[in-house]
Amino acid sequence: KSDSDTYTCDIGDAQSRAKLVVQEIPVLFKQELQNEEVKEGKQVKLTCELSKPDTPVKWMKGDTVLYASEKYEFKQHGTVAELIIRDVKSIDS
């Protein structure tokens, strides 16, 4: 997108100009999150796959943004984003 601008070919006595507009490719989910069931005290991994690699991902529980901690671990490899929740409790539902 940052390459969008007007470009000029200058040959001294004449110039030719063109405007370049770069459209961003929208990021889509190739694979959405799946519902999971897990027993208390265990660990669960939620995975989604995006159409564009290394897209920044924000994980949320309801309206609350999650941050990396002993409880939550985030991994991202190319188009795959993972949330690992450790020591799952009923309040994690």
PDB file of N, CA and C in Angstrom:
ATOM      1  N   LYS A   1       0.828  -1.191   0.000  1.00  0.00           N
ATOM      2  CA  LYS A   1       0.000   0.000   0.000  1.00  0.00           C
ATOM      3  C   LYS A   1       0.872   1.254   0.000  1.00  0.00           C
ATOM      4  N   SER A   2       2.014   1.206   0.684  1.00  0.00           N
ATOM      5  CA  SER A   2       2.884   2.386   0.758  1.00  0.00           C
ATOM      6  C   SER A   2       3.521   2.721  -0.593  1.00  0.00           C
ATOM      7  N   ASP A   3       3.453   1.822  -1.571  1.00  0.00           N
ATOM      8  CA  ASP A   3       3.974   2.101  -2.912  1.00  0.00           C
ATOM      9  C   ASP A   3       2.995   2.914  -3.755  1.00  0.00           C
ATOM     10  N   SER A   4       1.769   3.122  -3.281  1.00  0.00           N
ATOM     11  CA  SER A   4       0.799   3.940  -4.005  1.00  0.00           C
ATOM     12  C   SER A   4       1.323   5.363  -4.106  1.00  0.00           C
ATOM     13  N   ASP A   5       1.340   5.906  -5.336  1.00  0.00           N
ATOM     14  CA  ASP A   5       1.815   7.272  -5.555  1.00  0.00           C
ATOM     15  C   ASP A   5       1.759   7.551  -7.057  1.00  0.00           C
ATOM     16  N   THR A   6       2.212   8.751  -7.452  1.00  0.00           N
ATOM     17  CA  THR A   6       2.349   9.087  -8.867  1.00  0.00           C
ATOM     18  C   THR A   6       3.796   8.836  -9.263  1.00  0.00           C
ATOM     19  N   TYR A   7       3.993   8.098 -10.353  1.00  0.00           N
ATOM     20  CA  TYR A   7       5.326   7.780 -10.858  1.00  0.00           C
ATOM     21  C   TYR A   7       5.543   8.525 -12.179  1.00  0.00           C
ATOM     22  N   THR A   8       6.787   8.933 -12.412  1.00  0.00           N
ATOM     23  CA  THR A   8       7.125   9.722 -13.590  1.00  0.00           C
ATOM     24  C   THR A   8       8.297   9.092 -14.324  1.00  0.00           C
ATOM     25  N   CYS A   9       8.167   9.042 -15.642  1.00  0.00           N
ATOM     26  CA  CYS A   9       9.282   8.661 -16.516  1.00  0.00           C
ATOM     27  C   CYS A   9       9.731   9.954 -17.205  1.00  0.00           C
ATOM     28  N   ASP A  10      10.943  10.404 -16.916  1.00  0.00           N
ATOM     29  CA  ASP A  10      11.439  11.698 -17.404  1.00  0.00           C
ATOM     30  C   ASP A  10      12.574  11.454 -18.382  1.00  0.00           C
ATOM     31  N   ILE A  11      12.421  11.971 -19.627  1.00  0.00           N
ATOM     32  CA  ILE A  11      13.474  11.815 -20.639  1.00  0.00           C
ATOM     33  C   ILE A  11      14.090  13.163 -21.011  1.00  0.00           C
ATOM     34  N   GLY A  12      13.943  14.127 -20.115  1.00  0.00           N
ATOM     35  CA  GLY A  12      14.536  15.445 -20.355  1.00  0.00           C
ATOM     36  C   GLY A  12      13.539  16.419 -20.959  1.00  0.00           C
ATOM     37  N   ASP A  13      13.192  16.213 -22.249  1.00  0.00           N
ATOM     38  CA  ASP A  13      12.263  17.122 -22.930  1.00  0.00           C
ATOM     39  C   ASP A  13      10.803  16.755 -22.706  1.00  0.00           C
ATOM     40  N   ALA A  14      10.545  15.573 -22.189  1.00  0.00           N
ATOM     41  CA  ALA A  14       9.155  15.130 -21.997  1.00  0.00           C
ATOM     42  C   ALA A  14       9.066  14.228 -20.768  1.00  0.00           C
ATOM     43  N   GLN A  15       7.867  14.175 -20.263  1.00  0.00           N
ATOM     44  CA  GLN A  15       7.603  13.314 -19.113  1.00  0.00           C
ATOM     45  C   GLN A  15       6.306  12.550 -19.337  1.00  0.00           C
ATOM     46  N   SER A  16       6.261  11.393 -18.771  1.00  0.00           N
ATOM     47  CA  SER A  16       5.023  10.610 -18.769  1.00  0.00           C
ATOM     48  C   SER A  16       4.751  10.230 -17.323  1.00  0.00           C
ATOM     49  N   ARG A  17       3.492  10.382 -16.901  1.00  0.00           N
ATOM     50  CA  ARG A  17       3.142  10.105 -15.509  1.00  0.00           C
ATOM     51  C   ARG A  17       2.019   9.092 -15.441  1.00  0.00           C
ATOM     52  N   ALA A  18       2.049   8.346 -14.348  1.00  0.00           N
ATOM     53  CA  ALA A  18       0.971   7.393 -14.079  1.00  0.00           C
ATOM     54  C   ALA A  18       0.789   7.292 -12.574  1.00  0.00           C
ATOM     55  N   LYS A  19      -0.450   7.087 -12.183  1.00  0.00           N
ATOM     56  CA  LYS A  19      -0.759   6.919 -10.762  1.00  0.00           C
ATOM     57  C   LYS A  19      -0.908   5.426 -10.471  1.00  0.00           C
ATOM     58  N   LEU A  20      -0.196   4.973  -9.447  1.00  0.00           N
ATOM     59  CA  LEU A  20      -0.278   3.582  -9.023  1.00  0.00           C
ATOM     60  C   LEU A  20      -1.085   3.519  -7.730  1.00  0.00           C
ATOM     61  N   VAL A  21      -2.122   2.697  -7.740  1.00  0.00           N
ATOM     62  CA  VAL A  21      -2.938   2.472  -6.547  1.00  0.00           C
ATOM     63  C   VAL A  21      -2.824   0.999  -6.190  1.00  0.00           C
ATOM     64  N   VAL A  22      -2.287   0.724  -5.025  1.00  0.00           N
ATOM     65  CA  VAL A  22      -2.131  -0.651  -4.556  1.00  0.00           C
ATOM     66  C   VAL A  22      -3.259  -0.949  -3.580  1.00  0.00           C
ATOM     67  N   GLN A  23      -4.060  -1.951  -3.906  1.00  0.00           N
ATOM     68  CA  GLN A  23      -5.178  -2.333  -3.042  1.00  0.00           C
ATOM     69  C   GLN A  23      -4.727  -3.441  -2.108  1.00  0.00           C
ATOM     70  N   GLU A  24      -5.055  -3.273  -0.835  1.00  0.00           N
ATOM     71  CA  GLU A  24      -4.708  -4.303   0.136  1.00  0.00           C
ATOM     72  C   GLU A  24      -5.590  -5.522  -0.067  1.00  0.00           C
ATOM     73  N   ILE A  25      -4.989  -6.673   0.097  1.00  0.00           N
ATOM     74  CA  ILE A  25      -5.745  -7.922   0.039  1.00  0.00           C
ATOM     75  C   ILE A  25      -6.380  -8.124   1.404  1.00  0.00           C
ATOM     76  N   PRO A  26      -7.702  -8.263   1.449  1.00  0.00           N
ATOM     77  CA  PRO A  26      -8.333  -8.447   2.757  1.00  0.00           C
ATOM     78  C   PRO A  26      -7.920  -9.784   3.379  1.00  0.00           C
ATOM     79  N   VAL A  27      -7.774  -9.772   4.683  1.00  0.00           N
ATOM     80  CA  VAL A  27      -7.437 -10.998   5.395  1.00  0.00           C
ATOM     81  C   VAL A  27      -8.743 -11.728   5.701  1.00  0.00           C
ATOM     82  N   LEU A  28      -8.801 -12.978   5.348  1.00  0.00           N
ATOM     83  CA  LEU A  28      -9.971 -13.816   5.593  1.00  0.00           C
ATOM     84  C   LEU A  28      -9.555 -15.017   6.420  1.00  0.00           C
ATOM     85  N   PHE A  29     -10.532 -15.661   7.013  1.00  0.00           N
ATOM     86  CA  PHE A  29     -10.261 -16.903   7.736  1.00  0.00           C
ATOM     87  C   PHE A  29     -10.376 -18.061   6.763  1.00  0.00           C
ATOM     88  N   LYS A  30      -9.278 -18.803   6.593  1.00  0.00           N
ATOM     89  CA  LYS A  30      -9.324 -20.025   5.792  1.00  0.00           C
ATOM     90  C   LYS A  30      -9.919 -21.152   6.631  1.00  0.00           C
ATOM     91  N   GLN A  31      -9.648 -21.093   7.938  1.00  0.00           N
ATOM     92  CA  GLN A  31     -10.222 -22.057   8.875  1.00  0.00           C
ATOM     93  C   GLN A  31     -10.566 -21.286  10.138  1.00  0.00           C
ATOM     94  N   GLU A  32     -11.836 -21.284  10.491  1.00  0.00           N
ATOM     95  CA  GLU A  32     -12.268 -20.546  11.674  1.00  0.00           C
ATOM     96  C   GLU A  32     -12.071 -21.393  12.924  1.00  0.00           C
ATOM     97  N   LEU A  33     -12.173 -20.741  14.082  1.00  0.00           N
ATOM     98  CA  LEU A  33     -12.078 -21.450  15.357  1.00  0.00           C
ATOM     99  C   LEU A  33     -13.163 -22.505  15.469  1.00  0.00           C
ATOM    100  N   GLN A  34     -12.839 -23.597  16.098  1.00  0.00           N
ATOM    101  CA  GLN A  34     -13.788 -24.687  16.325  1.00  0.00           C
ATOM    102  C   GLN A  34     -14.116 -24.760  17.806  1.00  0.00           C
ATOM    103  N   ASN A  35     -15.357 -25.090  18.126  1.00  0.00           N
ATOM    104  CA  ASN A  35     -15.752 -25.287  19.522  1.00  0.00           C
ATOM    105  C   ASN A  35     -14.952 -26.441  20.108  1.00  0.00           C
ATOM    106  N   GLU A  36     -14.612 -26.335  21.371  1.00  0.00           N
ATOM    107  CA  GLU A  36     -13.828 -27.371  22.057  1.00  0.00           C
ATOM    108  C   GLU A  36     -14.456 -27.690  23.403  1.00  0.00           C
ATOM    109  N   GLU A  37     -14.276 -28.918  23.852  1.00  0.00           N
ATOM    110  CA  GLU A  37     -14.636 -29.333  25.206  1.00  0.00           C
ATOM    111  C   GLU A  37     -13.403 -29.954  25.828  1.00  0.00           C
ATOM    112  N   VAL A  38     -13.140 -29.574  27.073  1.00  0.00           N
ATOM    113  CA  VAL A  38     -11.950 -30.075  27.753  1.00  0.00           C
ATOM    114  C   VAL A  38     -12.255 -30.185  29.242  1.00  0.00           C
ATOM    115  N   LYS A  39     -11.611 -31.133  29.898  1.00  0.00           N
ATOM    116  CA  LYS A  39     -11.807 -31.304  31.347  1.00  0.00           C
ATOM    117  C   LYS A  39     -10.992 -30.276  32.118  1.00  0.00           C
ATOM    118  N   GLU A  40     -11.534 -29.877  33.271  1.00  0.00           N
ATOM    119  CA  GLU A  40     -10.827 -28.932  34.132  1.00  0.00           C
ATOM    120  C   GLU A  40      -9.415 -29.428  34.432  1.00  0.00           C
ATOM    121  N   GLY A  41      -8.498 -28.477  34.536  1.00  0.00           N
ATOM    122  CA  GLY A  41      -7.116 -28.802  34.862  1.00  0.00           C
ATOM    123  C   GLY A  41      -6.272 -29.145  33.648  1.00  0.00           C
ATOM    124  N   LYS A  42      -6.896 -29.398  32.517  1.00  0.00           N
ATOM    125  CA  LYS A  42      -6.163 -29.741  31.296  1.00  0.00           C
ATOM    126  C   LYS A  42      -5.782 -28.481  30.531  1.00  0.00           C
ATOM    127  N   GLN A  43      -5.197 -28.689  29.385  1.00  0.00           N
ATOM    128  CA  GLN A  43      -4.786 -27.610  28.490  1.00  0.00           C
ATOM    129  C   GLN A  43      -5.575 -27.754  27.202  1.00  0.00           C
ATOM    130  N   VAL A  44      -5.887 -26.630  26.555  1.00  0.00           N
ATOM    131  CA  VAL A  44      -6.588 -26.674  25.277  1.00  0.00           C
ATOM    132  C   VAL A  44      -5.900 -25.722  24.305  1.00  0.00           C
ATOM    133  N   LYS A  45      -5.924 -26.080  23.028  1.00  0.00           N
ATOM    134  CA  LYS A  45      -5.331 -25.236  21.989  1.00  0.00           C
ATOM    135  C   LYS A  45      -6.423 -24.867  20.996  1.00  0.00           C
ATOM    136  N   LEU A  46      -6.631 -23.559  20.809  1.00  0.00           N
ATOM    137  CA  LEU A  46      -7.562 -23.059  19.808  1.00  0.00           C
ATOM    138  C   LEU A  46      -6.740 -22.578  18.620  1.00  0.00           C
ATOM    139  N   THR A  47      -7.148 -22.976  17.417  1.00  0.00           N
ATOM    140  CA  THR A  47      -6.379 -22.687  16.218  1.00  0.00           C
ATOM    141  C   THR A  47      -7.270 -22.101  15.139  1.00  0.00           C
ATOM    142  N   CYS A  48      -6.779 -21.072  14.471  1.00  0.00           N
ATOM    143  CA  CYS A  48      -7.455 -20.576  13.273  1.00  0.00           C
ATOM    144  C   CYS A  48      -6.397 -20.338  12.204  1.00  0.00           C
ATOM    145  N   GLU A  49      -6.831 -20.418  10.949  1.00  0.00           N
ATOM    146  CA  GLU A  49      -5.912 -20.212   9.833  1.00  0.00           C
ATOM    147  C   GLU A  49      -6.384 -19.005   9.039  1.00  0.00           C
ATOM    148  N   LEU A  50      -5.432 -18.122   8.725  1.00  0.00           N
ATOM    149  CA  LEU A  50      -5.715 -16.883   8.012  1.00  0.00           C
ATOM    150  C   LEU A  50      -5.277 -16.999   6.554  1.00  0.00           C
ATOM    151  N   SER A  51      -5.818 -16.153   5.714  1.00  0.00           N
ATOM    152  CA  SER A  51      -5.461 -16.181   4.295  1.00  0.00           C
ATOM    153  C   SER A  51      -4.153 -15.448   3.998  1.00  0.00           C
ATOM    154  N   LYS A  52      -3.681 -14.632   4.927  1.00  0.00           N
ATOM    155  CA  LYS A  52      -2.456 -13.848   4.717  1.00  0.00           C
ATOM    156  C   LYS A  52      -1.477 -14.158   5.842  1.00  0.00           C
ATOM    157  N   PRO A  53      -0.265 -14.612   5.514  1.00  0.00           N
ATOM    158  CA  PRO A  53       0.692 -14.986   6.557  1.00  0.00           C
ATOM    159  C   PRO A  53       1.115 -13.809   7.423  1.00  0.00           C
ATOM    160  N   ASP A  54       1.426 -14.143   8.668  1.00  0.00           N
ATOM    161  CA  ASP A  54       1.974 -13.196   9.644  1.00  0.00           C
ATOM    162  C   ASP A  54       1.101 -11.959   9.882  1.00  0.00           C
ATOM    163  N   THR A  55      -0.207 -12.124   9.738  1.00  0.00           N
ATOM    164  CA  THR A  55      -1.150 -11.059  10.056  1.00  0.00           C
ATOM    165  C   THR A  55      -1.233 -10.927  11.577  1.00  0.00           C
ATOM    166  N   PRO A  56      -1.137  -9.714  12.109  1.00  0.00           N
ATOM    167  CA  PRO A  56      -1.251  -9.565  13.566  1.00  0.00           C
ATOM    168  C   PRO A  56      -2.610 -10.070  14.058  1.00  0.00           C
ATOM    169  N   VAL A  57      -2.586 -10.837  15.133  1.00  0.00           N
ATOM    170  CA  VAL A  57      -3.796 -11.430  15.699  1.00  0.00           C
ATOM    171  C   VAL A  57      -3.960 -10.944  17.132  1.00  0.00           C
ATOM    172  N   LYS A  58      -5.183 -10.602  17.501  1.00  0.00           N
ATOM    173  CA  LYS A  58      -5.509 -10.218  18.876  1.00  0.00           C
ATOM    174  C   LYS A  58      -6.499 -11.269  19.391  1.00  0.00           C
ATOM    175  N   TRP A  59      -6.163 -11.945  20.464  1.00  0.00           N
ATOM    176  CA  TRP A  59      -7.037 -12.942  21.062  1.00  0.00           C
ATOM    177  C   TRP A  59      -7.871 -12.290  22.156  1.00  0.00           C
ATOM    178  N   MET A  60      -9.147 -12.665  22.196  1.00  0.00           N
ATOM    179  CA  MET A  60     -10.064 -12.089  23.179  1.00  0.00           C
ATOM    180  C   MET A  60     -10.937 -13.182  23.784  1.00  0.00           C
ATOM    181  N   LYS A  61     -11.336 -12.966  25.042  1.00  0.00           N
ATOM    182  CA  LYS A  61     -12.342 -13.789  25.707  1.00  0.00           C
ATOM    183  C   LYS A  61     -13.503 -12.842  25.975  1.00  0.00           C
ATOM    184  N   GLY A  62     -14.611 -13.031  25.255  1.00  0.00           N
ATOM    185  CA  GLY A  62     -15.691 -12.062  25.315  1.00  0.00           C
ATOM    186  C   GLY A  62     -15.170 -10.741  24.776  1.00  0.00           C
ATOM    187  N   ASP A  63     -15.289  -9.673  25.560  1.00  0.00           N
ATOM    188  CA  ASP A  63     -14.795  -8.354  25.161  1.00  0.00           C
ATOM    189  C   ASP A  63     -13.424  -8.036  25.746  1.00  0.00           C
ATOM    190  N   THR A  64     -12.815  -8.996  26.433  1.00  0.00           N
ATOM    191  CA  THR A  64     -11.542  -8.769  27.121  1.00  0.00           C
ATOM    192  C   THR A  64     -10.372  -9.261  26.280  1.00  0.00           C
ATOM    193  N   VAL A  65      -9.412  -8.377  26.032  1.00  0.00           N
ATOM    194  CA  VAL A  65      -8.203  -8.753  25.297  1.00  0.00           C
ATOM    195  C   VAL A  65      -7.332  -9.621  26.201  1.00  0.00           C
ATOM    196  N   LEU A  66      -6.826 -10.718  25.648  1.00  0.00           N
ATOM    197  CA  LEU A  66      -5.945 -11.621  26.397  1.00  0.00           C
ATOM    198  C   LEU A  66      -4.487 -11.245  26.158  1.00  0.00           C
ATOM    199  N   TYR A  67      -3.685 -11.422  27.191  1.00  0.00           N
ATOM    200  CA  TYR A  67      -2.243 -11.149  27.106  1.00  0.00           C
ATOM    201  C   TYR A  67      -1.484 -12.404  27.507  1.00  0.00           C
ATOM    202  N   ALA A  68      -0.289 -12.563  26.940  1.00  0.00           N
ATOM    203  CA  ALA A  68       0.546 -13.726  27.255  1.00  0.00           C
ATOM    204  C   ALA A  68       0.836 -13.755  28.755  1.00  0.00           C
ATOM    205  N   SER A  69       0.713 -14.951  29.324  1.00  0.00           N
ATOM    206  CA  SER A  69       0.925 -15.134  30.763  1.00  0.00           C
ATOM    207  C   SER A  69       1.146 -16.615  31.019  1.00  0.00           C
ATOM    208  N   GLU A  70       1.188 -17.002  32.298  1.00  0.00           N
ATOM    209  CA  GLU A  70       1.261 -18.430  32.624  1.00  0.00           C
ATOM    210  C   GLU A  70       0.023 -19.155  32.104  1.00  0.00           C
ATOM    211  N   LYS A  71      -1.094 -18.462  32.047  1.00  0.00           N
ATOM    212  CA  LYS A  71      -2.378 -19.029  31.634  1.00  0.00           C
ATOM    213  C   LYS A  71      -2.506 -19.118  30.113  1.00  0.00           C
ATOM    214  N   TYR A  72      -2.097 -18.046  29.407  1.00  0.00           N
ATOM    215  CA  TYR A  72      -2.295 -17.955  27.962  1.00  0.00           C
ATOM    216  C   TYR A  72      -0.972 -17.876  27.222  1.00  0.00           C
ATOM    217  N   GLU A  73      -0.871 -18.670  26.171  1.00  0.00           N
ATOM    218  CA  GLU A  73       0.301 -18.636  25.293  1.00  0.00           C
ATOM    219  C   GLU A  73      -0.190 -18.473  23.866  1.00  0.00           C
ATOM    220  N   PHE A  74       0.472 -17.596  23.117  1.00  0.00           N
ATOM    221  CA  PHE A  74       0.110 -17.352  21.726  1.00  0.00           C
ATOM    222  C   PHE A  74       1.246 -17.825  20.830  1.00  0.00           C
ATOM    223  N   LYS A  75       0.876 -18.468  19.728  1.00  0.00           N
ATOM    224  CA  LYS A  75       1.862 -18.888  18.727  1.00  0.00           C
ATOM    225  C   LYS A  75       1.308 -18.507  17.364  1.00  0.00           C
ATOM    226  N   GLN A  76       2.208 -18.156  16.467  1.00  0.00           N
ATOM    227  CA  GLN A  76       1.793 -17.878  15.104  1.00  0.00           C
ATOM    228  C   GLN A  76       2.896 -18.321  14.164  1.00  0.00           C
ATOM    229  N   HIS A  77       2.519 -19.155  13.217  1.00  0.00           N
ATOM    230  CA  HIS A  77       3.447 -19.683  12.222  1.00  0.00           C
ATOM    231  C   HIS A  77       2.817 -19.452  10.857  1.00  0.00           C
ATOM    232  N   GLY A  78       3.294 -18.432  10.135  1.00  0.00           N
ATOM    233  CA  GLY A  78       2.730 -18.138   8.817  1.00  0.00           C
ATOM    234  C   GLY A  78       1.263 -17.764   8.924  1.00  0.00           C
ATOM    235  N   THR A  79       0.406 -18.628   8.391  1.00  0.00           N
ATOM    236  CA  THR A  79      -1.033 -18.335   8.382  1.00  0.00           C
ATOM    237  C   THR A  79      -1.776 -18.947   9.564  1.00  0.00           C
ATOM    238  N   VAL A  80      -1.091 -19.691  10.416  1.00  0.00           N
ATOM    239  CA  VAL A  80      -1.757 -20.381  11.525  1.00  0.00           C
ATOM    240  C   VAL A  80      -1.507 -19.646  12.844  1.00  0.00           C
ATOM    241  N   ALA A  81      -2.613 -19.280  13.510  1.00  0.00           N
ATOM    242  CA  ALA A  81      -2.548 -18.612  14.818  1.00  0.00           C
ATOM    243  C   ALA A  81      -3.112 -19.558  15.867  1.00  0.00           C
ATOM    244  N   GLU A  82      -2.419 -19.668  17.004  1.00  0.00           N
ATOM    245  CA  GLU A  82      -2.836 -20.585  18.073  1.00  0.00           C
ATOM    246  C   GLU A  82      -2.921 -19.859  19.406  1.00  0.00           C
ATOM    247  N   LEU A  83      -3.919 -20.231  20.172  1.00  0.00           N
ATOM    248  CA  LEU A  83      -4.053 -19.798  21.565  1.00  0.00           C
ATOM    249  C   LEU A  83      -4.031 -21.056  22.417  1.00  0.00           C
ATOM    250  N   ILE A  84      -3.098 -21.132  23.346  1.00  0.00           N
ATOM    251  CA  ILE A  84      -3.028 -22.261  24.280  1.00  0.00           C
ATOM    252  C   ILE A  84      -3.475 -21.741  25.640  1.00  0.00           C
ATOM    253  N   ILE A  85      -4.469 -22.406  26.211  1.00  0.00           N
ATOM    254  CA  ILE A  85      -4.975 -22.051  27.541  1.00  0.00           C
ATOM    255  C   ILE A  85      -4.593 -23.186  28.473  1.00  0.00           C
ATOM    256  N   ARG A  86      -3.837 -22.873  29.509  1.00  0.00           N
ATOM    257  CA  ARG A  86      -3.357 -23.887  30.456  1.00  0.00           C
ATOM    258  C   ARG A  86      -4.254 -23.942  31.676  1.00  0.00           C
ATOM    259  N   ASP A  87      -4.257 -25.089  32.313  1.00  0.00           N
ATOM    260  CA  ASP A  87      -4.983 -25.298  33.575  1.00  0.00           C
ATOM    261  C   ASP A  87      -6.411 -24.727  33.490  1.00  0.00           C
ATOM    262  N   VAL A  88      -7.167 -25.252  32.533  1.00  0.00           N
ATOM    263  CA  VAL A  88      -8.509 -24.758  32.225  1.00  0.00           C
ATOM    264  C   VAL A  88      -9.438 -24.924  33.446  1.00  0.00           C
ATOM    265  N   LYS A  89     -10.180 -23.870  33.741  1.00  0.00           N
ATOM    266  CA  LYS A  89     -11.177 -23.852  34.807  1.00  0.00           C
ATOM    267  C   LYS A  89     -12.545 -23.575  34.192  1.00  0.00           C
ATOM    268  N   SER A  90     -13.607 -23.806  34.947  1.00  0.00           N
ATOM    269  CA  SER A  90     -14.956 -23.575  34.424  1.00  0.00           C
ATOM    270  C   SER A  90     -15.161 -22.109  34.015  1.00  0.00           C
ATOM    271  N   ILE A  91     -14.480 -21.168  34.688  1.00  0.00           N
ATOM    272  CA  ILE A  91     -14.619 -19.753  34.333  1.00  0.00           C
ATOM    273  C   ILE A  91     -14.008 -19.425  32.978  1.00  0.00           C
ATOM    274  N   ASP A  92     -13.215 -20.358  32.410  1.00  0.00           N
ATOM    275  CA  ASP A  92     -12.625 -20.156  31.089  1.00  0.00           C
ATOM    276  C   ASP A  92     -13.631 -20.419  29.961  1.00  0.00           C
ATOM    277  N   SER A  93     -14.787 -20.989  30.294  1.00  0.00           N
ATOM    278  CA  SER A  93     -15.803 -21.265  29.273  1.00  0.00           C
ATOM    279  C   SER A  93     -16.314 -19.978  28.675  1.00  0.00           C
TER     280      SER A  93
END
